[in-house]
Amino acid sequence: MANIERVLQIDLPPNQSAFLWGPRKTGKTTLLHKQFPHSIFIDFLQTDTFLDYSKSPFLLRERLLAKEEQAENHPVIIDEVQKVPQVLDEVHWLIENSNLNFILCGSSARKLKRGQANLLGGRAWRFELFPLVSDELDNLDLLQALNRGLIPSHYQQTHFKRSLRGYVQDYLKEEVFNEGLTRNIPAFSRFFEAMGYAHGSLINYSNIARDCGVSSKTVREYYQILVDTLLGTFVLPFKKRQERQVISKAPKFYLFDTGVAGAITKQTIAEERGELFGKSFEHFIYLEILAHRSYREIDYDINFWRTKSGQEVDFILGGGEVAVEVKGTAMLDRRELHPMKSFVEDYKPKQAIFVCNEREERIHNGIRIMPWRKFLKELWGDQII
């Protein structure tokens, strides 16, 4: 596989520890080995290591103190830390009483939170690694990205369908069922499929609950499991002031990867046109914005705007500073600009942008109509927000 330079750089000052979270196979371990080649690595995916520290968490303290001179020059890295939450008390003690610092890596903090594990009380910074983004790839192939997703091994793999199918099944098994996050396995499996088809749309908890044979409250809990295991994120509606005609409660939900979303619904995008392409294209742009916000540490809000009459703008960034609409078309119809015009009239954003498949940028009534490659170049060049 190609050696891809990741955007995320974990630069820690002396005596500073960190958590690194990210879904499985996004490249966390590879990144850490590359950026910290001289660090001591402790991997709880190794059965003997897992058993040692599960039975006797104090071994971490005793073994590292025996190597303190070696360990204090580079952060000690513990991979899959959520599998042995008890070691976090030992990590805490070592941070307070030695010259050691740590990078604690995992794919889910949910088990730690639910088990009331020691999350180090602000002593560790938080980083998150996403699947690949356009700024990490020399010449991103859009259809390849939408169908395979941007988990590194999937994007570069010929037999990606088998890998994606196995990934979805393994994720369900390992992250949700094996961790005991839900006991009703059949209901959660039905929910997972229903969520895939509702992905990127307004969430109707009652409809999904009816399809799955559970309560709306349970469906809300299932969605939260996906958020806590880093499988997806909510996008909340934008509402700057009290308005009766603007939807202000129902959120949207996006999975963390376009390929995983396609694998759940068993859909393949054959060409850069049509409804299926447009929906996946919107998802792809959202994930780029989400990763940009995290990697640049800007922490701007990402919302959507929708009126009860059906007018919608896909993404409102920074509390109304930037409005972004995404269309998979190669030539915009002027009628498609009406919702954006309404938003601009009401809220006057600094930038109003239509991201699409047109070949060259143009401006219509102050709205920038941008080819997606140019939009992403400006996004990662910090020219959008």
Protein backbone atom coordinates (compact mmCIF):
# COMPACT_ATOMS: atom_id res chain seq x y z
CA MET A 1 0.00 0.00 0.00
CA ALA A 2 1.11 3.54 -0.71
CA ASN A 3 2.79 5.41 2.13
CA ILE A 4 0.36 8.27 2.77
CA GLU A 5 1.39 11.31 4.79
CA ARG A 6 -1.42 12.07 7.22
CA VAL A 7 -2.59 15.58 8.08
CA LEU A 8 -2.76 14.87 11.79
CA GLN A 9 0.51 15.59 13.58
CA ILE A 10 0.61 14.80 17.30
CA ASP A 11 3.04 17.34 18.69
CA LEU A 12 3.23 17.02 22.48
CA PRO A 13 5.23 19.31 24.78
CA PRO A 14 7.21 17.68 27.60
CA ASN A 15 5.11 15.91 30.24
CA GLN A 16 1.91 16.19 28.18
CA SER A 17 -0.19 13.08 27.56
CA ALA A 18 -2.95 12.52 25.01
CA PHE A 19 -5.82 10.30 23.91
CA LEU A 20 -6.00 9.34 20.23
CA TRP A 21 -9.44 8.11 19.16
CA GLY A 22 -10.61 6.87 15.79
CA PRO A 23 -12.62 4.05 14.20
CA ARG A 24 -10.85 0.78 13.49
CA LYS A 25 -8.49 0.66 10.50
CA THR A 26 -8.23 4.44 10.08
CA GLY A 27 -4.47 4.07 10.63
CA LYS A 28 -3.97 5.06 14.28
CA THR A 29 -1.31 2.45 15.02
CA THR A 30 0.54 3.13 11.77
CA LEU A 31 0.50 6.86 12.49
CA LEU A 32 1.87 6.39 16.00
CA HIS A 33 4.63 4.01 14.91
CA LYS A 34 5.66 6.51 12.25
CA GLN A 35 5.58 9.61 14.46
CA PHE A 36 6.97 7.92 17.60
CA PRO A 37 9.31 5.16 16.39
CA HIS A 38 11.29 5.07 19.65
CA SER A 39 8.32 4.84 22.00
CA ILE A 40 7.43 1.82 24.12
CA PHE A 41 4.29 0.25 22.58
CA ILE A 42 1.80 -1.76 24.64
CA ASP A 43 -0.91 -3.36 22.48
CA PHE A 44 -3.99 -4.83 24.14
CA LEU A 45 -4.95 -6.60 20.92
CA GLN A 46 -2.19 -9.06 21.81
CA THR A 47 -3.85 -11.76 23.87
CA ASP A 48 -1.00 -12.32 26.31
CA THR A 49 -0.59 -8.59 26.94
CA PHE A 50 -4.34 -8.17 27.41
CA LEU A 51 -4.49 -11.05 29.92
CA ASP A 52 -1.47 -9.79 31.86
CA TYR A 53 -2.85 -6.30 32.45
CA SER A 54 -6.48 -7.39 32.87
CA LYS A 55 -5.49 -9.60 35.80
CA SER A 56 -2.82 -7.30 37.21
CA PRO A 57 -3.07 -3.64 36.15
CA PHE A 58 -0.25 -2.75 38.57
CA LEU A 59 2.18 -4.49 36.18
CA LEU A 60 2.02 -1.37 34.00
CA ARG A 61 3.44 0.78 36.79
CA GLU A 62 6.06 -1.72 37.87
CA ARG A 63 7.29 -2.53 34.35
CA LEU A 64 7.46 1.07 33.21
CA LEU A 65 9.27 2.22 36.35
CA ALA A 66 11.86 -0.44 35.57
CA LYS A 67 12.31 1.19 32.15
CA GLU A 68 11.84 4.78 33.29
CA GLU A 69 15.11 6.03 31.81
CA GLN A 70 14.13 4.63 28.38
CA ALA A 71 10.47 5.61 28.64
CA GLU A 72 10.80 9.20 29.80
CA ASN A 73 12.28 10.44 26.49
CA HIS A 74 9.26 9.45 24.40
CA PRO A 75 5.56 9.01 25.17
CA VAL A 76 4.51 5.49 26.17
CA ILE A 77 1.83 4.31 23.75
CA ILE A 78 -1.01 2.04 24.87
CA ASP A 79 -3.11 0.73 21.97
CA GLU A 80 -6.78 -0.33 22.37
CA VAL A 81 -6.80 1.16 25.87
CA GLN A 82 -10.58 0.75 26.19
CA LYS A 83 -10.08 -3.02 26.49
CA VAL A 84 -8.39 -2.70 29.91
CA PRO A 85 -9.91 0.38 31.59
CA GLN A 86 -8.28 -0.46 34.93
CA VAL A 87 -4.82 0.53 33.68
CA LEU A 88 -5.92 4.17 33.52
CA ASP A 89 -5.55 4.47 37.29
CA GLU A 90 -1.96 3.33 36.90
CA VAL A 91 -1.44 5.77 34.02
CA HIS A 92 -2.81 8.56 36.22
CA TRP A 93 -0.40 7.66 39.01
CA LEU A 94 2.57 7.55 36.64
CA ILE A 95 1.70 10.95 35.15
CA GLU A 96 1.56 12.44 38.63
CA ASN A 97 4.57 10.67 40.17
CA SER A 98 7.09 10.10 37.39
CA ASN A 99 8.47 11.79 34.30
CA LEU A 100 6.41 9.61 31.95
CA ASN A 101 3.77 10.75 29.51
CA PHE A 102 1.38 8.65 27.43
CA ILE A 103 -0.57 8.41 24.22
CA LEU A 104 -3.66 6.31 24.88
CA CYS A 105 -5.16 4.99 21.67
CA GLY A 106 -8.55 3.41 21.04
CA SER A 107 -11.66 3.11 18.92
CA SER A 108 -14.28 3.85 21.57
CA ALA A 109 -14.45 5.79 24.81
CA ARG A 110 -17.97 4.55 25.54
CA LYS A 111 -16.89 1.56 27.59
CA LEU A 112 -14.54 3.77 29.59
CA LYS A 113 -17.27 6.32 30.27
CA ARG A 114 -19.94 3.75 31.16
CA GLY A 115 -17.53 1.91 33.44
CA GLN A 116 -16.64 5.19 35.13
CA ALA A 117 -13.01 4.65 34.14
CA ASN A 118 -10.39 7.25 35.00
CA LEU A 119 -10.22 9.61 31.99
CA LEU A 120 -7.35 11.49 33.63
CA GLY A 121 -9.30 14.61 34.56
CA GLY A 122 -8.04 16.88 31.80
CA ARG A 123 -4.44 15.69 32.04
CA ALA A 124 -4.54 14.33 28.48
CA TRP A 125 -5.29 16.20 25.25
CA ARG A 126 -7.74 14.66 22.81
CA PHE A 127 -6.93 13.90 19.17
CA GLU A 128 -9.07 12.10 16.62
CA LEU A 129 -7.99 10.32 13.44
CA PHE A 130 -10.46 10.16 10.54
CA PRO A 131 -10.35 8.12 7.34
CA LEU A 132 -8.27 9.65 4.55
CA VAL A 133 -9.08 13.16 3.35
CA SER A 134 -8.44 14.84 0.01
CA ASP A 135 -5.49 16.80 1.38
CA GLU A 136 -3.66 13.50 1.98
CA LEU A 137 -4.15 12.17 -1.57
CA ASP A 138 -2.40 13.45 -4.70
CA ASN A 139 -5.25 12.81 -7.11
CA LEU A 140 -8.38 11.62 -5.38
CA ASP A 141 -10.69 9.47 -7.52
CA LEU A 142 -14.22 10.56 -6.56
CA LEU A 143 -16.14 7.41 -7.55
CA GLN A 144 -13.47 5.28 -5.91
CA ALA A 145 -13.78 7.34 -2.73
CA LEU A 146 -17.58 7.10 -2.68
CA ASN A 147 -17.74 3.35 -3.36
CA ARG A 148 -14.73 2.14 -1.41
CA GLY A 149 -14.74 4.81 1.26
CA LEU A 150 -11.56 6.37 2.59
CA ILE A 151 -10.44 3.89 5.21
CA PRO A 152 -6.85 3.57 3.93
CA SER A 153 -6.81 -0.15 3.18
CA HIS A 154 -10.26 -0.09 1.55
CA TYR A 155 -9.52 2.90 -0.70
CA GLN A 156 -6.36 1.29 -2.06
CA GLN A 157 -7.74 -2.24 -2.33
CA THR A 158 -9.13 -3.97 -5.43
CA HIS A 159 -11.37 -6.39 -3.50
CA PHE A 160 -12.87 -3.65 -1.37
CA LYS A 161 -16.42 -5.07 -1.35
CA ARG A 162 -15.39 -8.14 0.63
CA SER A 163 -13.34 -6.01 3.00
CA LEU A 164 -16.19 -3.56 3.56
CA ARG A 165 -18.67 -6.37 4.15
CA GLY A 166 -16.35 -7.97 6.69
CA TYR A 167 -15.63 -4.61 8.29
CA VAL A 168 -19.30 -3.84 8.88
CA GLN A 169 -19.94 -7.30 10.33
CA ASP A 170 -16.82 -7.19 12.52
CA TYR A 171 -17.62 -3.70 13.75
CA LEU A 172 -21.08 -4.79 14.81
CA LYS A 173 -19.65 -7.81 16.56
CA GLU A 174 -16.57 -6.32 18.18
CA GLU A 175 -17.54 -2.75 18.99
CA VAL A 176 -21.18 -3.20 19.94
CA PHE A 177 -21.98 -6.78 20.88
CA ASN A 178 -18.69 -7.94 22.43
CA GLU A 179 -18.39 -4.74 24.46
CA GLY A 180 -21.87 -5.35 25.87
CA LEU A 181 -23.18 -2.00 24.65
CA THR A 182 -26.56 -3.53 23.81
CA ARG A 183 -28.18 -6.83 24.77
CA ASN A 184 -30.86 -7.00 22.08
CA ILE A 185 -28.73 -8.15 19.17
CA PRO A 186 -31.56 -8.79 16.63
CA ALA A 187 -33.13 -5.36 17.27
CA PHE A 188 -29.80 -3.54 16.96
CA SER A 189 -29.04 -5.40 13.72
CA ARG A 190 -32.40 -4.27 12.28
CA PHE A 191 -31.72 -0.75 13.48
CA PHE A 192 -28.30 -0.72 11.84
CA GLU A 193 -29.81 -1.53 8.45
CA ALA A 194 -32.68 0.97 8.86
CA MET A 195 -30.21 3.66 9.94
CA GLY A 196 -28.19 3.03 6.77
CA TYR A 197 -31.16 3.84 4.54
CA ALA A 198 -32.12 6.90 6.63
CA HIS A 199 -28.51 8.09 6.68
CA GLY A 200 -28.04 11.76 5.74
CA SER A 201 -31.75 12.56 6.10
CA LEU A 202 -33.81 14.00 8.93
CA ILE A 203 -34.09 11.35 11.65
CA ASN A 204 -37.62 10.12 12.34
CA TYR A 205 -37.11 8.12 15.52
CA SER A 206 -40.70 6.82 15.55
CA ASN A 207 -40.53 5.37 12.04
CA ILE A 208 -37.22 3.63 12.70
CA ALA A 209 -38.51 2.33 16.05
CA ARG A 210 -41.54 0.84 14.29
CA ASP A 211 -39.31 -0.87 11.72
CA CYS A 212 -37.06 -2.32 14.43
CA GLY A 213 -39.75 -3.31 16.92
CA VAL A 214 -38.34 -1.21 19.75
CA SER A 215 -39.22 2.09 21.43
CA SER A 216 -38.19 5.52 20.18
CA LYS A 217 -36.11 5.89 23.35
CA THR A 218 -34.18 2.74 22.45
CA VAL A 219 -33.55 4.03 18.91
CA ARG A 220 -32.13 7.24 20.39
CA GLU A 221 -29.84 5.12 22.59
CA TYR A 222 -28.73 3.11 19.54
CA TYR A 223 -27.80 6.28 17.69
CA GLN A 224 -25.81 7.42 20.71
CA ILE A 225 -23.93 4.11 20.71
CA LEU A 226 -22.88 4.84 17.11
CA VAL A 227 -21.70 8.33 18.09
CA ASP A 228 -19.80 7.06 21.15
CA THR A 229 -18.09 4.32 19.11
CA LEU A 230 -17.11 6.94 16.50
CA LEU A 231 -19.25 5.35 13.79
CA GLY A 232 -21.09 8.57 13.05
CA THR A 233 -22.04 12.10 14.03
CA PHE A 234 -25.22 14.14 14.41
CA VAL A 235 -25.73 17.37 12.50
CA LEU A 236 -28.16 19.66 14.29
CA PRO A 237 -30.48 22.19 12.63
CA PHE A 238 -29.38 25.82 12.42
CA LYS A 239 -31.63 28.27 14.17
CA LYS A 240 -30.23 31.68 14.95
CA ARG A 241 -33.47 33.17 16.17
CA GLN A 242 -37.02 32.11 16.93
CA GLU A 243 -38.75 31.31 13.65
CA ARG A 244 -41.88 29.26 13.21
CA GLN A 245 -41.04 28.17 9.68
CA VAL A 246 -37.58 26.73 10.41
CA ILE A 247 -37.11 23.12 11.56
CA SER A 248 -35.28 23.30 14.87
CA LYS A 249 -35.40 19.86 16.51
CA ALA A 250 -34.89 16.87 14.20
CA PRO A 251 -31.19 16.21 13.55
CA LYS A 252 -29.45 14.41 10.70
CA PHE A 253 -26.95 11.59 11.13
CA TYR A 254 -23.92 10.80 8.97
CA LEU A 255 -21.75 7.69 9.18
CA PHE A 256 -17.99 8.16 9.42
CA ASP A 257 -17.22 6.72 5.97
CA THR A 258 -18.94 6.69 2.56
CA GLY A 259 -17.86 3.13 1.83
CA VAL A 260 -19.31 1.81 5.09
CA ALA A 261 -22.59 3.61 4.33
CA GLY A 262 -22.74 1.95 0.90
CA ALA A 263 -21.90 -1.46 2.33
CA ILE A 264 -24.78 -1.30 4.83
CA THR A 265 -27.30 -0.53 2.08
CA LYS A 266 -25.55 -2.77 -0.51
CA GLN A 267 -25.49 0.07 -3.06
CA THR A 268 -22.86 0.83 -5.69
CA ILE A 269 -22.50 4.14 -7.54
CA ALA A 270 -21.80 3.51 -11.22
CA GLU A 271 -21.50 7.10 -12.50
CA GLU A 272 -21.26 10.70 -11.35
CA ARG A 273 -24.93 11.46 -11.71
CA GLY A 274 -28.27 10.59 -10.16
CA GLU A 275 -29.81 10.66 -6.70
CA LEU A 276 -27.57 7.99 -5.17
CA PHE A 277 -24.42 9.77 -6.37
CA GLY A 278 -25.73 13.12 -5.08
CA LYS A 279 -26.45 11.73 -1.62
CA SER A 280 -23.04 10.06 -1.31
CA PHE A 281 -21.30 13.16 -2.71
CA GLU A 282 -22.93 15.30 -0.01
CA HIS A 283 -21.76 12.77 2.59
CA PHE A 284 -18.20 12.95 1.24
CA ILE A 285 -18.09 16.76 1.44
CA TYR A 286 -19.47 16.65 4.98
CA LEU A 287 -16.71 14.27 6.09
CA GLU A 288 -14.07 16.58 4.63
CA ILE A 289 -15.51 19.53 6.57
CA LEU A 290 -15.73 17.45 9.75
CA ALA A 291 -12.08 16.33 9.49
CA HIS A 292 -10.94 19.89 8.67
CA ARG A 293 -12.63 21.23 11.80
CA SER A 294 -10.91 18.61 13.97
CA TYR A 295 -7.42 18.69 12.42
CA ARG A 296 -7.26 22.49 12.31
CA GLU A 297 -8.66 22.69 15.88
CA ILE A 298 -11.00 25.52 14.88
CA ASP A 299 -14.09 23.99 16.49
CA TYR A 300 -16.69 25.73 14.33
CA ASP A 301 -20.32 24.58 14.39
CA ILE A 302 -21.62 22.45 11.51
CA ASN A 303 -25.41 22.65 11.10
CA PHE A 304 -28.01 22.38 8.36
CA TRP A 305 -30.87 24.74 7.60
CA ARG A 306 -34.31 23.55 6.56
CA THR A 307 -37.71 25.20 6.50
CA LYS A 308 -41.06 23.50 6.93
CA SER A 309 -41.79 24.28 3.29
CA GLY A 310 -38.81 22.14 2.26
CA GLN A 311 -36.13 24.74 1.49
CA GLU A 312 -32.76 23.46 2.65
CA VAL A 313 -29.07 24.34 2.75
CA ASP A 314 -26.89 21.32 3.52
CA PHE A 315 -24.24 22.83 5.81
CA ILE A 316 -24.11 26.06 7.78
CA LEU A 317 -20.64 26.61 9.21
CA GLY A 318 -19.50 28.78 12.08
CA GLY A 319 -22.94 29.87 13.29
CA GLY A 320 -23.96 31.25 9.90
CA GLU A 321 -20.59 32.53 8.70
CA VAL A 322 -20.53 30.18 5.67
CA ALA A 323 -23.38 28.42 3.85
CA VAL A 324 -22.54 25.35 1.75
CA GLU A 325 -24.93 23.49 -0.53
CA VAL A 326 -23.78 20.28 -2.25
CA LYS A 327 -25.20 19.04 -5.57
CA GLY A 328 -23.91 16.18 -7.69
CA THR A 329 -24.90 17.86 -10.94
CA ALA A 330 -22.51 18.90 -13.72
CA MET A 331 -24.62 22.01 -14.47
CA LEU A 332 -26.75 23.72 -11.87
CA ASP A 333 -30.31 24.70 -12.69
CA ARG A 334 -31.09 28.20 -11.42
CA ARG A 335 -34.10 26.85 -9.56
CA GLU A 336 -31.71 24.88 -7.36
CA LEU A 337 -30.30 28.18 -6.11
CA HIS A 338 -33.57 29.38 -4.53
CA PRO A 339 -33.03 27.89 -1.01
CA MET A 340 -29.54 29.37 -0.85
CA LYS A 341 -30.85 32.77 -1.97
CA SER A 342 -33.46 32.64 0.79
CA PHE A 343 -30.81 31.83 3.39
CA VAL A 344 -28.53 34.61 2.13
CA GLU A 345 -31.37 37.15 2.29
CA ASP A 346 -32.27 36.15 5.86
CA TYR A 347 -28.83 35.59 7.42
CA LYS A 348 -26.26 37.30 5.16
CA PRO A 349 -23.34 34.83 5.51
CA LYS A 350 -19.82 35.93 4.60
CA GLN A 351 -19.69 33.21 1.95
CA ALA A 352 -22.43 31.30 0.14
CA ILE A 353 -21.07 28.33 -1.81
CA PHE A 354 -22.55 25.70 -4.12
CA VAL A 355 -20.21 22.70 -4.35
CA CYS A 356 -20.89 20.72 -7.51
CA ASN A 357 -19.42 18.89 -10.47
CA GLU A 358 -19.18 21.88 -12.80
CA ARG A 359 -15.82 22.32 -14.53
CA GLU A 360 -15.12 25.97 -13.65
CA GLU A 361 -16.06 28.32 -10.85
CA ARG A 362 -18.62 31.04 -11.49
CA ILE A 363 -20.56 33.53 -9.38
CA HIS A 364 -24.32 33.99 -9.59
CA ASN A 365 -25.89 36.82 -7.55
CA GLY A 366 -23.04 36.63 -5.04
CA ILE A 367 -23.23 32.83 -4.70
CA ARG A 368 -20.01 31.00 -5.56
CA ILE A 369 -20.64 27.94 -7.72
CA MET A 370 -17.49 25.86 -7.23
CA PRO A 371 -16.08 22.61 -8.63
CA TRP A 372 -15.60 20.27 -5.69
CA ARG A 373 -11.84 20.00 -6.13
CA LYS A 374 -11.47 23.79 -5.87
CA PHE A 375 -13.70 23.88 -2.81
CA LEU A 376 -11.62 21.22 -1.05
CA LYS A 377 -8.38 22.96 -1.97
CA GLU A 378 -9.66 26.20 -0.43
CA LEU A 379 -11.10 24.34 2.58
CA TRP A 380 -7.75 22.76 3.44
CA GLY A 381 -6.02 26.03 2.59
CA ASP A 382 -8.19 27.60 5.32
CA GLN A 383 -9.81 29.98 2.83
CA ILE A 384 -13.40 28.83 3.42
CA ILE A 385 -13.49 29.19 7.20
